[in-house]
Amino acid sequence: MVTAFAGTVLFGVVLARLTLEPSAASAALVHANVRPGSSISAYLHGTSTVEAVRQLGGNLLLGLPFGVLLPVLLPPARGLLRVGAVTACLMTLVELVQGALVTGRVFDIDDVLLNTAGALLGYLLIGRRLGRAVHPRRRHWWNRRTAEAGDA
C-alpha cells in the first residue's frame, strides 16, 4: 500500500507537469474539441507518424497508472467499469481545469477517451491481479453460512 501511495504521488506530480504547464507557444494553434474522434482523426491523417504516436500513445500511457493504482488504493473502485468511470471523471476534471486556467491548453474529449482506454488497458494487464493480491476478495456472510452448513 505504501508503494502504491508513493506511486500515486509521483504520478500526480508527473500528471500535473504534463497537463497543467502553460504552453504559450501553442496558444494560437489549439482549439477545444468536444467531438469524439476529431483530434484522433486529425493526428492520424494530418501529422507525421512520429507526432501521431507521440500524441496518441502519450495519452494512452498517461492513463495506464490509473488502471494499476486505483484497484490497489481504492478497493471499491475495482472492476473494469468502475476503473473506467473514475478515470473518465478525473480526466474530464483535469481537461476542464487545463482548458479554463492554463495558457495554450484546451479541453479535448479525445484526451479523456485515450486516457480512459489506457487506464482500462492498465487494469486488464496489471491492476486486476495487483488489486486482488493486495485486497483479496471477501466471502460474503451468505457464502460463509452455506459453506459452514455444508461442513456440519
C-alpha atoms as a PDB file:
ATOM      1  CA  MET A   1       0.000   0.000   0.000  1.00  0.00           C
ATOM      2  CA  VAL A   2       2.844   2.386   0.808  1.00  0.00           C
ATOM      3  CA  THR A   3       4.429   1.724  -2.580  1.00  0.00           C
ATOM      4  CA  ALA A   4       1.103   2.314  -4.334  1.00  0.00           C
ATOM      5  CA  PHE A   5       0.610   5.555  -2.415  1.00  0.00           C
ATOM      6  CA  ALA A   6       4.123   6.733  -3.303  1.00  0.00           C
ATOM      7  CA  GLY A   7       3.476   5.786  -6.926  1.00  0.00           C
ATOM      8  CA  THR A   8       0.252   7.777  -6.880  1.00  0.00           C
ATOM      9  CA  VAL A   9       2.001  10.865  -5.519  1.00  0.00           C
ATOM     10  CA  LEU A  10       4.720  10.559  -8.148  1.00  0.00           C
ATOM     11  CA  PHE A  11       2.125  10.031 -10.863  1.00  0.00           C
ATOM     12  CA  GLY A  12       0.201  13.095  -9.646  1.00  0.00           C
ATOM     13  CA  VAL A  13       3.305  15.248  -9.964  1.00  0.00           C
ATOM     14  CA  VAL A  14       4.019  13.933 -13.468  1.00  0.00           C
ATOM     15  CA  LEU A  15       0.372  14.383 -14.492  1.00  0.00           C
ATOM     16  CA  ALA A  16       0.359  17.971 -13.238  1.00  0.00           C
ATOM     17  CA  ARG A  17       3.601  18.789 -15.058  1.00  0.00           C
ATOM     18  CA  LEU A  18       2.384  17.266 -18.317  1.00  0.00           C
ATOM     19  CA  THR A  19      -1.112  18.706 -18.343  1.00  0.00           C
ATOM     20  CA  LEU A  20      -1.108  21.892 -16.303  1.00  0.00           C
ATOM     21  CA  GLU A  21       2.008  23.687 -17.526  1.00  0.00           C
ATOM     22  CA  PRO A  22       1.333  26.662 -19.788  1.00  0.00           C
ATOM     23  CA  SER A  23       2.181  26.348 -23.452  1.00  0.00           C
ATOM     24  CA  ALA A  24       2.252  29.934 -24.710  1.00  0.00           C
ATOM     25  CA  ALA A  25       3.940  28.887 -27.945  1.00  0.00           C
ATOM     26  CA  SER A  26       0.919  26.847 -28.974  1.00  0.00           C
ATOM     27  CA  ALA A  27      -1.789  29.224 -27.710  1.00  0.00           C
ATOM     28  CA  ALA A  28      -2.757  30.287 -31.233  1.00  0.00           C
ATOM     29  CA  LEU A  29      -2.709  26.719 -32.573  1.00  0.00           C
ATOM     30  CA  VAL A  30      -5.076  24.985 -30.163  1.00  0.00           C
ATOM     31  CA  HIS A  31      -8.857  24.805 -30.104  1.00  0.00           C
ATOM     32  CA  ALA A  32     -11.326  22.959 -27.914  1.00  0.00           C
ATOM     33  CA  ASN A  33     -12.637  19.609 -29.121  1.00  0.00           C
ATOM     34  CA  VAL A  34     -15.928  18.181 -27.909  1.00  0.00           C
ATOM     35  CA  ARG A  35     -16.487  15.841 -30.884  1.00  0.00           C
ATOM     36  CA  PRO A  36     -15.172  12.349 -30.034  1.00  0.00           C
ATOM     37  CA  GLY A  37     -12.671  11.121 -32.602  1.00  0.00           C
ATOM     38  CA  SER A  38     -11.972  14.505 -34.174  1.00  0.00           C
ATOM     39  CA  SER A  39      -8.487  15.006 -32.695  1.00  0.00           C
ATOM     40  CA  ILE A  40      -7.617  11.348 -33.136  1.00  0.00           C
ATOM     41  CA  SER A  41      -8.506  11.548 -36.816  1.00  0.00           C
ATOM     42  CA  ALA A  42      -6.545  14.774 -37.206  1.00  0.00           C
ATOM     43  CA  TYR A  43      -3.446  13.160 -35.714  1.00  0.00           C
ATOM     44  CA  LEU A  44      -3.798  10.019 -37.824  1.00  0.00           C
ATOM     45  CA  HIS A  45      -4.315  11.857 -41.099  1.00  0.00           C
ATOM     46  CA  GLY A  46      -2.804  15.308 -40.665  1.00  0.00           C
ATOM     47  CA  THR A  47       0.511  14.824 -38.896  1.00  0.00           C
ATOM     48  CA  SER A  48       3.614  12.730 -39.186  1.00  0.00           C
ATOM     49  CA  THR A  49       3.601   9.190 -37.841  1.00  0.00           C
ATOM     50  CA  VAL A  50       6.019  10.186 -35.095  1.00  0.00           C
ATOM     51  CA  GLU A  51       3.775  13.027 -33.920  1.00  0.00           C
ATOM     52  CA  ALA A  52       0.663  10.815 -34.047  1.00  0.00           C
ATOM     53  CA  VAL A  53       2.366   8.096 -31.991  1.00  0.00           C
ATOM     54  CA  ARG A  54       3.655  10.691 -29.545  1.00  0.00           C
ATOM     55  CA  GLN A  55       0.243  12.299 -29.018  1.00  0.00           C
ATOM     56  CA  LEU A  56      -1.972   9.216 -29.088  1.00  0.00           C
ATOM     57  CA  GLY A  57       0.478   6.873 -27.356  1.00  0.00           C
ATOM     58  CA  GLY A  58       1.298   9.509 -24.764  1.00  0.00           C
ATOM     59  CA  ASN A  59      -2.366   9.881 -23.837  1.00  0.00           C
ATOM     60  CA  LEU A  60      -2.777   6.113 -23.590  1.00  0.00           C
ATOM     61  CA  LEU A  61       0.312   5.847 -21.370  1.00  0.00           C
ATOM     62  CA  LEU A  62      -0.881   8.740 -19.220  1.00  0.00           C
ATOM     63  CA  GLY A  63      -3.997   6.757 -18.295  1.00  0.00           C
ATOM     64  CA  LEU A  64      -2.182   3.481 -17.618  1.00  0.00           C
ATOM     65  CA  PRO A  65      -1.267   4.252 -13.969  1.00  0.00           C
ATOM     66  CA  PHE A  66      -4.939   4.816 -13.131  1.00  0.00           C
ATOM     67  CA  GLY A  67      -5.729   1.231 -14.090  1.00  0.00           C
ATOM     68  CA  VAL A  68      -2.855  -0.078 -11.984  1.00  0.00           C
ATOM     69  CA  LEU A  69      -3.144   2.150  -8.904  1.00  0.00           C
ATOM     70  CA  LEU A  70      -6.921   2.570  -8.461  1.00  0.00           C
ATOM     71  CA  PRO A  71      -7.630  -1.099  -7.622  1.00  0.00           C
ATOM     72  CA  VAL A  72      -4.865  -1.034  -5.005  1.00  0.00           C
ATOM     73  CA  LEU A  73      -5.666   2.292  -3.347  1.00  0.00           C
ATOM     74  CA  LEU A  74      -9.462   2.241  -3.706  1.00  0.00           C
ATOM     75  CA  PRO A  75     -10.804  -1.315  -3.413  1.00  0.00           C
ATOM     76  CA  PRO A  76     -14.389  -0.127  -4.057  1.00  0.00           C
ATOM     77  CA  ALA A  77     -13.142   1.153  -7.449  1.00  0.00           C
ATOM     78  CA  ARG A  78     -12.077  -2.344  -8.546  1.00  0.00           C
ATOM     79  CA  GLY A  79     -13.670  -3.604 -11.703  1.00  0.00           C
ATOM     80  CA  LEU A  80     -13.351  -2.651 -15.341  1.00  0.00           C
ATOM     81  CA  LEU A  81     -16.383  -0.351 -15.413  1.00  0.00           C
ATOM     82  CA  ARG A  82     -15.513   1.351 -12.133  1.00  0.00           C
ATOM     83  CA  VAL A  83     -11.908   1.999 -13.148  1.00  0.00           C
ATOM     84  CA  GLY A  84     -13.152   3.402 -16.453  1.00  0.00           C
ATOM     85  CA  ALA A  85     -15.754   5.622 -14.791  1.00  0.00           C
ATOM     86  CA  VAL A  86     -13.374   7.001 -12.144  1.00  0.00           C
ATOM     87  CA  THR A  87     -10.666   7.648 -14.736  1.00  0.00           C
ATOM     88  CA  ALA A  88     -13.088   9.335 -17.135  1.00  0.00           C
ATOM     89  CA  CYS A  89     -14.357  11.604 -14.343  1.00  0.00           C
ATOM     90  CA  LEU A  90     -10.874  12.534 -13.115  1.00  0.00           C
ATOM     91  CA  MET A  91      -9.508  13.139 -16.604  1.00  0.00           C
ATOM     92  CA  THR A  92     -12.551  15.230 -17.551  1.00  0.00           C
ATOM     93  CA  LEU A  93     -11.843  17.363 -14.490  1.00  0.00           C
ATOM     94  CA  VAL A  94      -8.164  17.688 -15.479  1.00  0.00           C
ATOM     95  CA  GLU A  95      -9.134  18.662 -19.035  1.00  0.00           C
ATOM     96  CA  LEU A  96     -11.652  21.239 -17.797  1.00  0.00           C
ATOM     97  CA  VAL A  97      -9.112  22.824 -15.449  1.00  0.00           C
ATOM     98  CA  GLN A  98      -6.485  22.703 -18.167  1.00  0.00           C
ATOM     99  CA  GLY A  99      -8.799  24.397 -20.673  1.00  0.00           C
ATOM    100  CA  ALA A 100     -10.018  27.050 -18.268  1.00  0.00           C
ATOM    101  CA  LEU A 101      -6.827  28.008 -16.467  1.00  0.00           C
ATOM    102  CA  VAL A 102      -3.748  27.072 -18.477  1.00  0.00           C
ATOM    103  CA  THR A 103      -2.448  29.222 -21.334  1.00  0.00           C
ATOM    104  CA  GLY A 104      -2.143  27.313 -24.601  1.00  0.00           C
ATOM    105  CA  ARG A 105      -4.155  24.321 -23.374  1.00  0.00           C
ATOM    106  CA  VAL A 106      -7.768  23.421 -24.133  1.00  0.00           C
ATOM    107  CA  PHE A 107     -10.375  20.802 -23.340  1.00  0.00           C
ATOM    108  CA  ASP A 108     -10.152  17.788 -25.669  1.00  0.00           C
ATOM    109  CA  ILE A 109     -12.616  14.920 -25.262  1.00  0.00           C
ATOM    110  CA  ASP A 110     -10.282  12.628 -27.206  1.00  0.00           C
ATOM    111  CA  ASP A 111      -7.653  13.032 -24.490  1.00  0.00           C
ATOM    112  CA  VAL A 112     -10.229  11.839 -21.944  1.00  0.00           C
ATOM    113  CA  LEU A 113     -11.123   8.854 -24.152  1.00  0.00           C
ATOM    114  CA  LEU A 114      -7.484   7.893 -24.732  1.00  0.00           C
ATOM    115  CA  ASN A 115      -6.592   8.290 -21.043  1.00  0.00           C
ATOM    116  CA  THR A 116      -9.560   6.109 -20.096  1.00  0.00           C
ATOM    117  CA  ALA A 117      -8.576   3.482 -22.672  1.00  0.00           C
ATOM    118  CA  GLY A 118      -5.073   3.493 -21.173  1.00  0.00           C
ATOM    119  CA  ALA A 119      -6.499   3.002 -17.682  1.00  0.00           C
ATOM    120  CA  LEU A 120      -8.600   0.070 -18.871  1.00  0.00           C
ATOM    121  CA  LEU A 121      -5.534  -1.448 -20.502  1.00  0.00           C
ATOM    122  CA  GLY A 122      -3.517  -0.993 -17.300  1.00  0.00           C
ATOM    123  CA  TYR A 123      -6.299  -2.590 -15.286  1.00  0.00           C
ATOM    124  CA  LEU A 124      -6.528  -5.600 -17.584  1.00  0.00           C
ATOM    125  CA  LEU A 125      -2.750  -6.090 -17.779  1.00  0.00           C
ATOM    126  CA  ILE A 126      -1.719  -5.486 -14.156  1.00  0.00           C
ATOM    127  CA  GLY A 127      -4.266  -3.709 -11.971  1.00  0.00           C
ATOM    128  CA  ARG A 128      -6.784  -6.524 -11.677  1.00  0.00           C
ATOM    129  CA  ARG A 129      -4.252  -9.042 -10.363  1.00  0.00           C
ATOM    130  CA  LEU A 130      -2.436  -6.498  -8.228  1.00  0.00           C
ATOM    131  CA  GLY A 131      -5.680  -5.278  -6.651  1.00  0.00           C
ATOM    132  CA  ARG A 132      -6.710  -8.830  -5.790  1.00  0.00           C
ATOM    133  CA  ALA A 133      -3.268  -9.610  -4.379  1.00  0.00           C
ATOM    134  CA  VAL A 134      -3.369  -6.608  -2.038  1.00  0.00           C
ATOM    135  CA  HIS A 135      -7.097  -6.846  -1.251  1.00  0.00           C
ATOM    136  CA  PRO A 136      -8.314 -10.459  -1.559  1.00  0.00           C
ATOM    137  CA  ARG A 137     -11.991 -10.908  -2.189  1.00  0.00           C
ATOM    138  CA  ARG A 138     -14.051 -11.303   0.946  1.00  0.00           C
ATOM    139  CA  ARG A 139     -16.505 -14.091   1.308  1.00  0.00           C
ATOM    140  CA  HIS A 140     -19.919 -12.637   1.960  1.00  0.00           C
ATOM    141  CA  TRP A 141     -21.875 -13.745   5.009  1.00  0.00           C
ATOM    142  CA  TRP A 142     -24.293 -15.769   2.898  1.00  0.00           C
ATOM    143  CA  ASN A 143     -21.427 -17.700   1.312  1.00  0.00           C
ATOM    144  CA  ARG A 144     -19.865 -18.388   4.714  1.00  0.00           C
ATOM    145  CA  ARG A 145     -23.129 -19.638   6.172  1.00  0.00           C
ATOM    146  CA  THR A 146     -23.665 -22.018   3.227  1.00  0.00           C
ATOM    147  CA  ALA A 147     -20.093 -23.343   3.498  1.00  0.00           C
ATOM    148  CA  GLU A 148     -20.420 -23.843   7.266  1.00  0.00           C
ATOM    149  CA  ALA A 149     -23.711 -25.719   6.863  1.00  0.00           C
ATOM    150  CA  GLY A 150     -22.084 -27.986   4.280  1.00  0.00           C
ATOM    151  CA  ASP A 151     -19.174 -28.750   6.665  1.00  0.00           C
ATOM    152  CA  ALA A 152     -21.501 -29.786   9.524  1.00  0.00           C
END
